[in-house]
Each structure stands twice: as structure tokens, then as C-alpha cells.
Amino acid sequence: MCTTFLASTILNEFRDNGIEIIDYPRLIRLNPFARFKTRGNGGVSFKLDLSQDIELAKEIVLKYVSELSMFDCDNTNPGVVFYQGEITEEMTDYAFKAIYSIITIEEAEEFANHIGAEIHKFKKGRGIIGSIAAISCPLEDYTYELLAYRHPSRYGTLREIDYDSVVKMDKETYPET
């Protein structure tokens, strides 16, 4: 299951339960040279106002990670981190290390305990590395990704792409895209 699709599903459930996020969801891309990673190698986080039902939000996140993750895939090792507090310089340093270097699961778990974060590991729990980084990364500017998801009935089937339409779109939108 794609991390961003999972996040999108969680955000829809938040909306349906009256839980609002502060600012945009946060997506960061981690070191592309990490030996163990998902295809997108990303971490996602969102910020909530503490006056909301935080326990319900946690239940929703853990429910959807448990239900939608493809645990039969060797590379699926989700991790969820809940953190309450200010982002420290030490946390920012961690985020940049995750983006530009390598962090082990053990280092991430130790760091999470050090900052008082609540962690939930599924299988090996490698996802805690990106979760902490997504929480900790100082995002002062925004970029956007337009993501399209396949219908579940199309999973595992050949993608049908009209190559002429791709070339046409590229010509019509260059250099803005």
C-alpha cells in the first residue's frame, strides 16, 4: 500500500469524524540510496490541534495501517509515530540525516524514546524512520505532488497508457511541469 494513499484514506476518515489537521499534510522523500526502502521512500505526517479527540485520531491511524498495509510484501514494514511537543533542533538534525544519510530502525527507536514519542511498529517497523523525519523536518516552503491511484480491481494488471496523450501533455505544459 502506498504511504500517500494510506495517508489520504486516513485524512478522509479524520474528516468524516470531525478531526481537522493544521496546515497541509507533510510528505518528505528520504535518502534514495537507502538499502531498504519502499518505492516512494517517503514519510508522511500531519499536525493536529490538541483540543480535538486525539485518542480517536490515533485509533483511526492504527486501524488503517493495520487493515490496508500489504503485510505479505517483504518491503512492507510500517511504523507509526505520535509526538506531542515542539520540534527541537535535534529533531531537525534527525530529519536531515534521514534525507541525506542512513538511519537504522534501532537508531530511530532510540531517538523516538529520547524525544518521548509513542511508536507502533508493524513487522520490522522500518516506517518509524520516515515517520519521525516527516514530523521533524522544517518545511518552510511547499511543493505539490499530484498523485493518481489505481482502482483496487486494477492492482496487478498491466497499465494502459495512451503514450500520445503523455507527449501532448508534456508539450502543452512545459516548462511549468
N, C-alpha and C. Protein backbone atom coordinates (compact mmCIF):
# COMPACT_ATOMS: atom_id res chain seq x y z
N MET A 1 0.85 -1.18 0.00
CA MET A 1 0.00 0.00 0.00
C MET A 1 0.89 1.24 0.00
N CYS A 2 0.61 2.11 -0.88
CA CYS A 2 1.35 3.37 -0.99
C CYS A 2 1.12 4.23 0.26
N THR A 3 2.21 4.75 0.80
CA THR A 3 2.13 5.58 2.02
C THR A 3 1.19 6.77 1.82
N THR A 4 1.27 7.41 0.66
CA THR A 4 0.43 8.59 0.44
C THR A 4 -1.04 8.21 0.29
N PHE A 5 -1.32 7.05 -0.30
CA PHE A 5 -2.71 6.59 -0.40
C PHE A 5 -3.26 6.29 0.98
N LEU A 6 -2.46 5.64 1.79
CA LEU A 6 -2.85 5.34 3.17
C LEU A 6 -3.14 6.64 3.92
N ALA A 7 -2.26 7.62 3.77
CA ALA A 7 -2.46 8.92 4.43
C ALA A 7 -3.74 9.59 3.94
N SER A 8 -4.00 9.51 2.65
CA SER A 8 -5.21 10.09 2.08
C SER A 8 -6.46 9.43 2.67
N THR A 9 -6.42 8.12 2.81
CA THR A 9 -7.54 7.39 3.39
C THR A 9 -7.75 7.79 4.85
N ILE A 10 -6.67 7.92 5.59
CA ILE A 10 -6.75 8.34 7.00
C ILE A 10 -7.33 9.75 7.09
N LEU A 11 -6.87 10.65 6.23
CA LEU A 11 -7.38 12.02 6.26
C LEU A 11 -8.87 12.08 5.94
N ASN A 12 -9.33 11.23 5.02
CA ASN A 12 -10.77 11.17 4.73
C ASN A 12 -11.55 10.73 5.97
N GLU A 13 -11.01 9.75 6.68
CA GLU A 13 -11.67 9.26 7.90
C GLU A 13 -11.64 10.33 9.00
N PHE A 14 -10.53 11.06 9.08
CA PHE A 14 -10.48 12.19 10.02
C PHE A 14 -11.62 13.17 9.72
N ARG A 15 -11.73 13.53 8.44
CA ARG A 15 -12.77 14.49 8.03
C ARG A 15 -14.16 13.97 8.42
N ASP A 16 -14.40 12.68 8.17
CA ASP A 16 -15.71 12.10 8.47
C ASP A 16 -15.99 12.08 9.97
N ASN A 17 -14.95 12.16 10.78
CA ASN A 17 -15.10 12.15 12.24
C ASN A 17 -14.87 13.53 12.87
N GLY A 18 -14.82 14.56 12.03
CA GLY A 18 -14.69 15.93 12.54
C GLY A 18 -13.31 16.27 13.06
N ILE A 19 -12.30 15.51 12.66
CA ILE A 19 -10.92 15.79 13.08
C ILE A 19 -10.25 16.57 11.97
N GLU A 20 -9.79 17.77 12.30
CA GLU A 20 -9.16 18.63 11.30
C GLU A 20 -7.66 18.69 11.53
N ILE A 21 -6.91 18.71 10.42
CA ILE A 21 -5.47 18.86 10.54
C ILE A 21 -5.11 20.34 10.45
N ILE A 22 -3.97 20.67 11.02
CA ILE A 22 -3.43 22.03 10.94
C ILE A 22 -2.46 22.05 9.77
N ASP A 23 -2.65 22.96 8.84
CA ASP A 23 -1.76 23.09 7.70
C ASP A 23 -1.92 21.90 6.75
N TYR A 24 -1.04 21.81 5.78
CA TYR A 24 -1.08 20.73 4.80
C TYR A 24 -0.48 19.46 5.39
N PRO A 25 -0.88 18.29 4.85
CA PRO A 25 -0.16 17.07 5.22
C PRO A 25 1.30 17.23 4.79
N ARG A 26 2.18 16.60 5.52
CA ARG A 26 3.62 16.74 5.25
C ARG A 26 4.14 15.45 4.61
N LEU A 27 4.76 15.58 3.46
CA LEU A 27 5.38 14.46 2.77
C LEU A 27 6.83 14.80 2.53
N ILE A 28 7.71 13.92 2.98
CA ILE A 28 9.12 14.11 2.67
C ILE A 28 9.62 12.84 2.00
N ARG A 29 10.60 13.01 1.16
CA ARG A 29 11.25 11.88 0.48
C ARG A 29 12.59 11.64 1.15
N LEU A 30 12.82 10.40 1.55
CA LEU A 30 14.04 10.06 2.28
C LEU A 30 15.16 9.70 1.31
N ASN A 31 16.33 9.42 1.88
CA ASN A 31 17.52 9.10 1.10
C ASN A 31 17.22 8.02 0.06
N PRO A 32 17.34 8.34 -1.23
CA PRO A 32 17.03 7.35 -2.26
C PRO A 32 18.05 6.21 -2.33
N PHE A 33 19.18 6.36 -1.65
CA PHE A 33 20.21 5.33 -1.68
C PHE A 33 20.14 4.39 -0.49
N ALA A 34 19.10 4.53 0.33
CA ALA A 34 18.93 3.62 1.46
C ALA A 34 18.71 2.21 0.93
N ARG A 35 19.36 1.25 1.55
CA ARG A 35 19.29 -0.13 1.06
C ARG A 35 17.87 -0.69 1.17
N PHE A 36 17.23 -0.44 2.29
CA PHE A 36 15.87 -0.93 2.50
C PHE A 36 14.92 0.25 2.43
N LYS A 37 14.03 0.23 1.43
CA LYS A 37 13.10 1.34 1.28
C LYS A 37 11.91 0.89 0.45
N THR A 38 10.87 1.68 0.50
CA THR A 38 9.73 1.45 -0.37
C THR A 38 10.01 2.14 -1.70
N ARG A 39 9.14 1.95 -2.67
CA ARG A 39 9.36 2.59 -3.98
C ARG A 39 9.44 4.10 -3.86
N GLY A 40 8.50 4.69 -3.14
CA GLY A 40 8.48 6.15 -2.99
C GLY A 40 9.40 6.65 -1.90
N ASN A 41 9.78 5.76 -1.00
CA ASN A 41 10.69 6.08 0.10
C ASN A 41 10.32 7.39 0.80
N GLY A 42 9.05 7.50 1.15
CA GLY A 42 8.58 8.73 1.76
C GLY A 42 8.08 8.55 3.17
N GLY A 43 8.00 9.66 3.85
CA GLY A 43 7.40 9.71 5.18
C GLY A 43 6.32 10.76 5.17
N VAL A 44 5.22 10.49 5.85
CA VAL A 44 4.08 11.40 5.88
C VAL A 44 3.73 11.72 7.33
N SER A 45 3.36 12.96 7.57
CA SER A 45 2.86 13.33 8.90
C SER A 45 1.81 14.42 8.76
N PHE A 46 1.02 14.56 9.80
CA PHE A 46 0.08 15.66 9.87
C PHE A 46 0.00 16.14 11.30
N LYS A 47 -0.32 17.42 11.43
CA LYS A 47 -0.35 18.08 12.73
C LYS A 47 -1.80 18.31 13.14
N LEU A 48 -2.11 17.96 14.40
CA LEU A 48 -3.46 18.11 14.92
C LEU A 48 -3.49 19.09 16.08
N ASP A 49 -4.61 19.78 16.21
CA ASP A 49 -4.86 20.63 17.37
C ASP A 49 -5.20 19.70 18.54
N LEU A 50 -4.56 19.90 19.68
CA LEU A 50 -4.75 19.00 20.81
C LEU A 50 -6.12 19.11 21.46
N SER A 51 -6.92 20.09 21.05
CA SER A 51 -8.27 20.19 21.60
C SER A 51 -9.22 19.18 20.96
N GLN A 52 -8.75 18.50 19.92
CA GLN A 52 -9.57 17.51 19.23
C GLN A 52 -9.43 16.14 19.92
N ASP A 53 -10.19 15.17 19.45
CA ASP A 53 -10.15 13.83 20.03
C ASP A 53 -8.91 13.10 19.52
N ILE A 54 -7.80 13.29 20.21
CA ILE A 54 -6.52 12.72 19.79
C ILE A 54 -6.55 11.19 19.87
N GLU A 55 -7.21 10.65 20.89
CA GLU A 55 -7.28 9.19 21.02
C GLU A 55 -8.02 8.58 19.83
N LEU A 56 -9.09 9.22 19.37
CA LEU A 56 -9.80 8.74 18.19
C LEU A 56 -8.89 8.82 16.97
N ALA A 57 -8.15 9.91 16.84
CA ALA A 57 -7.23 10.06 15.71
C ALA A 57 -6.20 8.93 15.72
N LYS A 58 -5.65 8.61 16.87
CA LYS A 58 -4.68 7.51 16.98
C LYS A 58 -5.32 6.18 16.57
N GLU A 59 -6.54 5.94 17.05
CA GLU A 59 -7.25 4.70 16.70
C GLU A 59 -7.44 4.59 15.19
N ILE A 60 -7.81 5.69 14.56
CA ILE A 60 -8.03 5.70 13.11
C ILE A 60 -6.73 5.37 12.38
N VAL A 61 -5.65 6.03 12.76
CA VAL A 61 -4.36 5.79 12.10
C VAL A 61 -3.96 4.33 12.23
N LEU A 62 -3.98 3.81 13.44
CA LEU A 62 -3.54 2.43 13.66
C LEU A 62 -4.47 1.42 12.98
N LYS A 63 -5.76 1.71 12.95
CA LYS A 63 -6.72 0.83 12.28
C LYS A 63 -6.40 0.72 10.79
N TYR A 64 -6.21 1.87 10.14
CA TYR A 64 -5.98 1.83 8.70
C TYR A 64 -4.60 1.28 8.34
N VAL A 65 -3.60 1.56 9.13
CA VAL A 65 -2.29 0.96 8.87
C VAL A 65 -2.40 -0.56 8.99
N SER A 66 -3.11 -1.04 10.00
CA SER A 66 -3.28 -2.48 10.20
C SER A 66 -4.08 -3.13 9.08
N GLU A 67 -5.13 -2.45 8.63
CA GLU A 67 -6.03 -3.04 7.64
C GLU A 67 -5.55 -2.91 6.20
N LEU A 68 -4.88 -1.82 5.87
CA LEU A 68 -4.56 -1.56 4.46
C LEU A 68 -3.13 -1.91 4.07
N SER A 69 -2.25 -2.11 5.01
CA SER A 69 -0.86 -2.43 4.67
C SER A 69 -0.78 -3.82 4.07
N MET A 70 0.05 -3.97 3.08
CA MET A 70 0.22 -5.25 2.40
C MET A 70 1.34 -6.03 3.08
N PHE A 71 0.99 -6.67 4.19
CA PHE A 71 1.98 -7.32 5.03
C PHE A 71 2.63 -8.54 4.38
N ASP A 72 2.04 -9.07 3.31
CA ASP A 72 2.65 -10.21 2.63
C ASP A 72 3.86 -9.78 1.79
N CYS A 73 4.04 -8.49 1.58
CA CYS A 73 5.21 -7.98 0.84
C CYS A 73 6.38 -7.82 1.81
N ASP A 74 7.54 -8.33 1.42
CA ASP A 74 8.73 -8.26 2.28
C ASP A 74 9.12 -6.83 2.62
N ASN A 75 8.92 -5.89 1.70
CA ASN A 75 9.33 -4.50 1.92
C ASN A 75 8.32 -3.68 2.72
N THR A 76 7.21 -4.28 3.10
CA THR A 76 6.21 -3.57 3.89
C THR A 76 6.52 -3.76 5.37
N ASN A 77 7.01 -2.70 5.99
CA ASN A 77 7.38 -2.71 7.41
C ASN A 77 6.96 -1.38 8.03
N PRO A 78 5.65 -1.14 8.12
CA PRO A 78 5.17 0.17 8.56
C PRO A 78 5.57 0.52 9.99
N GLY A 79 5.59 1.80 10.21
CA GLY A 79 5.81 2.32 11.55
C GLY A 79 5.01 3.60 11.72
N VAL A 80 4.42 3.76 12.87
CA VAL A 80 3.62 4.94 13.18
C VAL A 80 4.22 5.59 14.41
N VAL A 81 4.32 6.91 14.37
CA VAL A 81 4.87 7.67 15.49
C VAL A 81 3.90 8.79 15.85
N PHE A 82 3.60 8.89 17.13
CA PHE A 82 2.79 10.01 17.64
C PHE A 82 3.70 10.84 18.53
N TYR A 83 3.73 12.14 18.26
CA TYR A 83 4.60 13.04 19.02
C TYR A 83 3.82 14.28 19.41
N GLN A 84 3.97 14.68 20.65
CA GLN A 84 3.33 15.91 21.13
C GLN A 84 4.42 16.81 21.69
N GLY A 85 4.57 17.99 21.11
CA GLY A 85 5.57 18.93 21.60
C GLY A 85 6.14 19.77 20.49
N GLU A 86 7.07 20.60 20.86
CA GLU A 86 7.75 21.47 19.90
C GLU A 86 8.81 20.67 19.15
N ILE A 87 9.10 21.10 17.93
CA ILE A 87 10.16 20.48 17.14
C ILE A 87 11.47 21.12 17.56
N THR A 88 12.39 20.30 18.01
CA THR A 88 13.68 20.80 18.50
C THR A 88 14.73 20.77 17.39
N GLU A 89 15.83 21.45 17.62
CA GLU A 89 16.94 21.42 16.66
C GLU A 89 17.46 20.00 16.48
N GLU A 90 17.48 19.24 17.55
CA GLU A 90 17.92 17.85 17.49
C GLU A 90 17.00 17.03 16.57
N MET A 91 15.72 17.32 16.60
CA MET A 91 14.77 16.63 15.72
C MET A 91 14.99 17.04 14.27
N THR A 92 15.23 18.32 14.04
CA THR A 92 15.52 18.80 12.69
C THR A 92 16.77 18.12 12.15
N ASP A 93 17.79 17.98 12.97
CA ASP A 93 19.01 17.29 12.56
C ASP A 93 18.71 15.85 12.16
N TYR A 94 17.85 15.19 12.92
CA TYR A 94 17.44 13.82 12.61
C TYR A 94 16.79 13.77 11.22
N ALA A 95 15.89 14.71 10.96
CA ALA A 95 15.18 14.73 9.67
C ALA A 95 16.16 14.84 8.51
N PHE A 96 17.12 15.74 8.63
CA PHE A 96 18.09 15.90 7.54
C PHE A 96 18.99 14.68 7.41
N LYS A 97 19.29 14.03 8.51
CA LYS A 97 20.07 12.80 8.43
C LYS A 97 19.28 11.73 7.67
N ALA A 98 17.98 11.64 7.91
CA ALA A 98 17.15 10.66 7.21
C ALA A 98 17.07 10.96 5.71
N ILE A 99 17.13 12.23 5.36
CA ILE A 99 17.05 12.62 3.95
C ILE A 99 18.38 12.40 3.24
N TYR A 100 19.48 12.68 3.91
CA TYR A 100 20.78 12.67 3.25
C TYR A 100 21.70 11.53 3.65
N SER A 101 21.33 10.75 4.65
CA SER A 101 22.21 9.70 5.14
C SER A 101 21.37 8.45 5.40
N ILE A 102 21.82 7.61 6.30
CA ILE A 102 21.13 6.37 6.62
C ILE A 102 20.87 6.32 8.13
N ILE A 103 19.66 5.94 8.49
CA ILE A 103 19.30 5.75 9.89
C ILE A 103 18.75 4.34 10.04
N THR A 104 19.21 3.63 11.05
CA THR A 104 18.72 2.27 11.29
C THR A 104 17.43 2.32 12.10
N ILE A 105 16.71 1.21 12.09
CA ILE A 105 15.50 1.11 12.89
C ILE A 105 15.84 1.30 14.37
N GLU A 106 16.94 0.72 14.78
CA GLU A 106 17.35 0.83 16.19
C GLU A 106 17.64 2.28 16.57
N GLU A 107 18.32 3.01 15.69
CA GLU A 107 18.60 4.43 15.95
C GLU A 107 17.30 5.23 16.03
N ALA A 108 16.38 4.93 15.12
CA ALA A 108 15.10 5.64 15.11
C ALA A 108 14.31 5.35 16.39
N GLU A 109 14.30 4.10 16.80
CA GLU A 109 13.56 3.74 18.02
C GLU A 109 14.18 4.41 19.25
N GLU A 110 15.49 4.41 19.31
CA GLU A 110 16.19 5.07 20.43
C GLU A 110 15.88 6.57 20.44
N PHE A 111 15.90 7.18 19.25
CA PHE A 111 15.61 8.62 19.16
C PHE A 111 14.16 8.90 19.56
N ALA A 112 13.23 8.07 19.11
CA ALA A 112 11.82 8.25 19.47
C ALA A 112 11.64 8.19 20.98
N ASN A 113 12.29 7.25 21.61
CA ASN A 113 12.21 7.15 23.07
C ASN A 113 12.83 8.38 23.73
N HIS A 114 13.93 8.86 23.17
CA HIS A 114 14.62 10.04 23.70
C HIS A 114 13.73 11.29 23.68
N ILE A 115 12.95 11.46 22.61
CA ILE A 115 12.11 12.66 22.50
C ILE A 115 10.72 12.45 23.11
N GLY A 116 10.46 11.25 23.59
CA GLY A 116 9.17 10.98 24.23
C GLY A 116 8.05 10.68 23.26
N ALA A 117 8.39 10.18 22.07
CA ALA A 117 7.38 9.85 21.08
C ALA A 117 6.82 8.45 21.35
N GLU A 118 5.60 8.25 20.93
CA GLU A 118 4.94 6.95 21.04
C GLU A 118 5.10 6.25 19.69
N ILE A 119 5.67 5.05 19.70
CA ILE A 119 5.89 4.35 18.43
C ILE A 119 5.07 3.07 18.37
N HIS A 120 4.71 2.72 17.14
CA HIS A 120 3.99 1.47 16.85
C HIS A 120 4.68 0.86 15.63
N LYS A 121 5.26 -0.32 15.83
CA LYS A 121 5.98 -0.99 14.75
C LYS A 121 5.14 -2.16 14.24
N PHE A 122 5.08 -2.28 12.93
CA PHE A 122 4.41 -3.40 12.29
C PHE A 122 5.50 -4.17 11.54
N LYS A 123 5.54 -5.49 11.75
CA LYS A 123 6.65 -6.30 11.25
C LYS A 123 7.95 -5.69 11.78
N LYS A 124 8.88 -5.34 10.90
CA LYS A 124 10.16 -4.77 11.37
C LYS A 124 10.02 -3.31 11.81
N GLY A 125 8.97 -2.65 11.38
CA GLY A 125 8.72 -1.28 11.82
C GLY A 125 9.64 -0.23 11.23
N ARG A 126 10.20 -0.51 10.07
CA ARG A 126 11.13 0.43 9.44
C ARG A 126 10.49 1.80 9.19
N GLY A 127 9.19 1.83 9.08
CA GLY A 127 8.49 3.09 8.81
C GLY A 127 8.66 4.15 9.88
N ILE A 128 9.10 3.75 11.08
CA ILE A 128 9.30 4.78 12.11
C ILE A 128 10.41 5.74 11.72
N ILE A 129 11.34 5.29 10.88
CA ILE A 129 12.44 6.16 10.44
C ILE A 129 11.86 7.38 9.71
N GLY A 130 11.02 7.12 8.71
CA GLY A 130 10.42 8.21 7.94
C GLY A 130 9.36 8.97 8.71
N SER A 131 8.66 8.27 9.60
CA SER A 131 7.63 8.95 10.40
C SER A 131 8.24 10.05 11.25
N ILE A 132 9.32 9.73 11.95
CA ILE A 132 9.98 10.73 12.78
C ILE A 132 10.53 11.86 11.91
N ALA A 133 11.10 11.51 10.77
CA ALA A 133 11.65 12.53 9.87
C ALA A 133 10.55 13.46 9.35
N ALA A 134 9.40 12.89 8.99
CA ALA A 134 8.30 13.72 8.48
C ALA A 134 7.75 14.65 9.55
N ILE A 135 7.74 14.20 10.79
CA ILE A 135 7.32 15.06 11.90
C ILE A 135 8.34 16.18 12.11
N SER A 136 9.61 15.85 11.98
CA SER A 136 10.71 16.73 12.41
C SER A 136 11.23 17.69 11.36
N CYS A 137 10.94 17.43 10.09
CA CYS A 137 11.54 18.22 9.01
C CYS A 137 10.93 19.62 8.95
N PRO A 138 11.78 20.65 8.95
CA PRO A 138 11.26 22.02 8.86
C PRO A 138 10.88 22.34 7.41
N LEU A 139 9.61 22.37 7.15
CA LEU A 139 9.14 22.66 5.79
C LEU A 139 8.65 24.10 5.75
N GLU A 140 9.49 24.97 5.24
CA GLU A 140 9.16 26.39 5.20
C GLU A 140 8.54 26.80 3.88
N ASP A 141 8.59 25.92 2.91
CA ASP A 141 8.04 26.19 1.59
C ASP A 141 7.23 24.96 1.19
N TYR A 142 6.46 25.07 0.14
CA TYR A 142 5.62 23.96 -0.28
C TYR A 142 5.87 23.62 -1.74
N THR A 143 5.79 22.36 -2.02
CA THR A 143 5.65 21.87 -3.38
C THR A 143 4.47 20.92 -3.34
N TYR A 144 3.98 20.53 -4.48
CA TYR A 144 2.82 19.66 -4.53
C TYR A 144 3.12 18.48 -5.43
N GLU A 145 2.54 17.35 -5.09
CA GLU A 145 2.58 16.19 -5.96
C GLU A 145 1.14 15.84 -6.31
N LEU A 146 0.89 15.65 -7.58
CA LEU A 146 -0.42 15.16 -8.00
C LEU A 146 -0.29 13.65 -8.10
N LEU A 147 -1.05 12.96 -7.30
CA LEU A 147 -0.97 11.51 -7.25
C LEU A 147 -2.27 10.92 -7.75
N ALA A 148 -2.15 9.90 -8.57
CA ALA A 148 -3.33 9.18 -9.06
C ALA A 148 -3.21 7.73 -8.59
N TYR A 149 -4.30 7.20 -8.07
CA TYR A 149 -4.29 5.84 -7.54
C TYR A 149 -5.16 4.95 -8.41
N ARG A 150 -4.72 3.74 -8.58
CA ARG A 150 -5.47 2.77 -9.36
C ARG A 150 -6.62 2.22 -8.52
N HIS A 151 -7.69 1.87 -9.19
CA HIS A 151 -8.79 1.20 -8.52
C HIS A 151 -8.29 -0.17 -8.06
N PRO A 152 -8.68 -0.61 -6.87
CA PRO A 152 -8.18 -1.90 -6.36
C PRO A 152 -8.38 -3.07 -7.33
N SER A 153 -9.42 -3.03 -8.15
CA SER A 153 -9.63 -4.12 -9.11
C SER A 153 -8.55 -4.15 -10.19
N ARG A 154 -7.78 -3.06 -10.33
CA ARG A 154 -6.73 -2.98 -11.35
C ARG A 154 -5.35 -3.34 -10.80
N TYR A 155 -5.24 -3.55 -9.48
CA TYR A 155 -3.95 -3.91 -8.90
C TYR A 155 -3.42 -5.17 -9.58
N GLY A 156 -2.16 -5.14 -9.92
CA GLY A 156 -1.51 -6.31 -10.51
C GLY A 156 -1.78 -6.51 -11.98
N THR A 157 -2.51 -5.60 -12.61
CA THR A 157 -2.78 -5.72 -14.04
C THR A 157 -1.88 -4.76 -14.82
N LEU A 158 -1.77 -5.01 -16.09
CA LEU A 158 -0.96 -4.17 -16.97
C LEU A 158 -1.55 -2.76 -17.02
N ARG A 159 -0.70 -1.76 -16.91
CA ARG A 159 -1.16 -0.37 -17.01
C ARG A 159 -1.42 -0.05 -18.49
N GLU A 160 -2.54 0.61 -18.74
CA GLU A 160 -2.88 1.02 -20.09
C GLU A 160 -2.64 2.52 -20.19
N ILE A 161 -1.63 2.90 -20.99
CA ILE A 161 -1.24 4.30 -21.09
C ILE A 161 -1.31 4.74 -22.55
N ASP A 162 -1.96 5.85 -22.79
CA ASP A 162 -2.00 6.43 -24.12
C ASP A 162 -0.76 7.32 -24.24
N TYR A 163 0.29 6.78 -24.84
CA TYR A 163 1.57 7.49 -24.90
C TYR A 163 1.47 8.81 -25.64
N ASP A 164 0.64 8.88 -26.66
CA ASP A 164 0.48 10.14 -27.39
C ASP A 164 -0.07 11.24 -26.48
N SER A 165 -0.97 10.87 -25.57
CA SER A 165 -1.52 11.88 -24.66
C SER A 165 -0.46 12.36 -23.67
N VAL A 166 0.46 11.49 -23.29
CA VAL A 166 1.55 11.88 -22.39
C VAL A 166 2.46 12.89 -23.08
N VAL A 167 2.83 12.61 -24.32
CA VAL A 167 3.69 13.51 -25.09
C VAL A 167 2.98 14.84 -25.30
N LYS A 168 1.70 14.79 -25.65
CA LYS A 168 0.92 16.02 -25.87
C LYS A 168 0.87 16.86 -24.59
N MET A 169 0.60 16.22 -23.46
CA MET A 169 0.53 16.95 -22.19
C MET A 169 1.88 17.58 -21.87
N ASP A 170 2.95 16.85 -22.11
CA ASP A 170 4.29 17.37 -21.84
C ASP A 170 4.56 18.61 -22.68
N LYS A 171 4.24 18.55 -23.96
CA LYS A 171 4.47 19.70 -24.84
C LYS A 171 3.62 20.91 -24.44
N GLU A 172 2.38 20.66 -24.03
CA GLU A 172 1.47 21.76 -23.69
C GLU A 172 1.77 22.39 -22.33
N THR A 173 2.40 21.67 -21.45
CA THR A 173 2.62 22.20 -20.10
C THR A 173 4.07 22.55 -19.81
N TYR A 174 4.98 22.21 -20.70
CA TYR A 174 6.40 22.53 -20.48
C TYR A 174 6.60 24.04 -20.58
N PRO A 175 7.37 24.68 -19.76
CA PRO A 175 8.24 24.18 -18.69
C PRO A 175 7.60 24.25 -17.30
N GLU A 176 6.29 24.49 -17.22
CA GLU A 176 5.65 24.63 -15.91
C GLU A 176 5.54 23.33 -15.14
N THR A 177 5.65 22.19 -15.82
CA THR A 177 5.56 20.90 -15.11
C THR A 177 6.84 20.13 -15.22
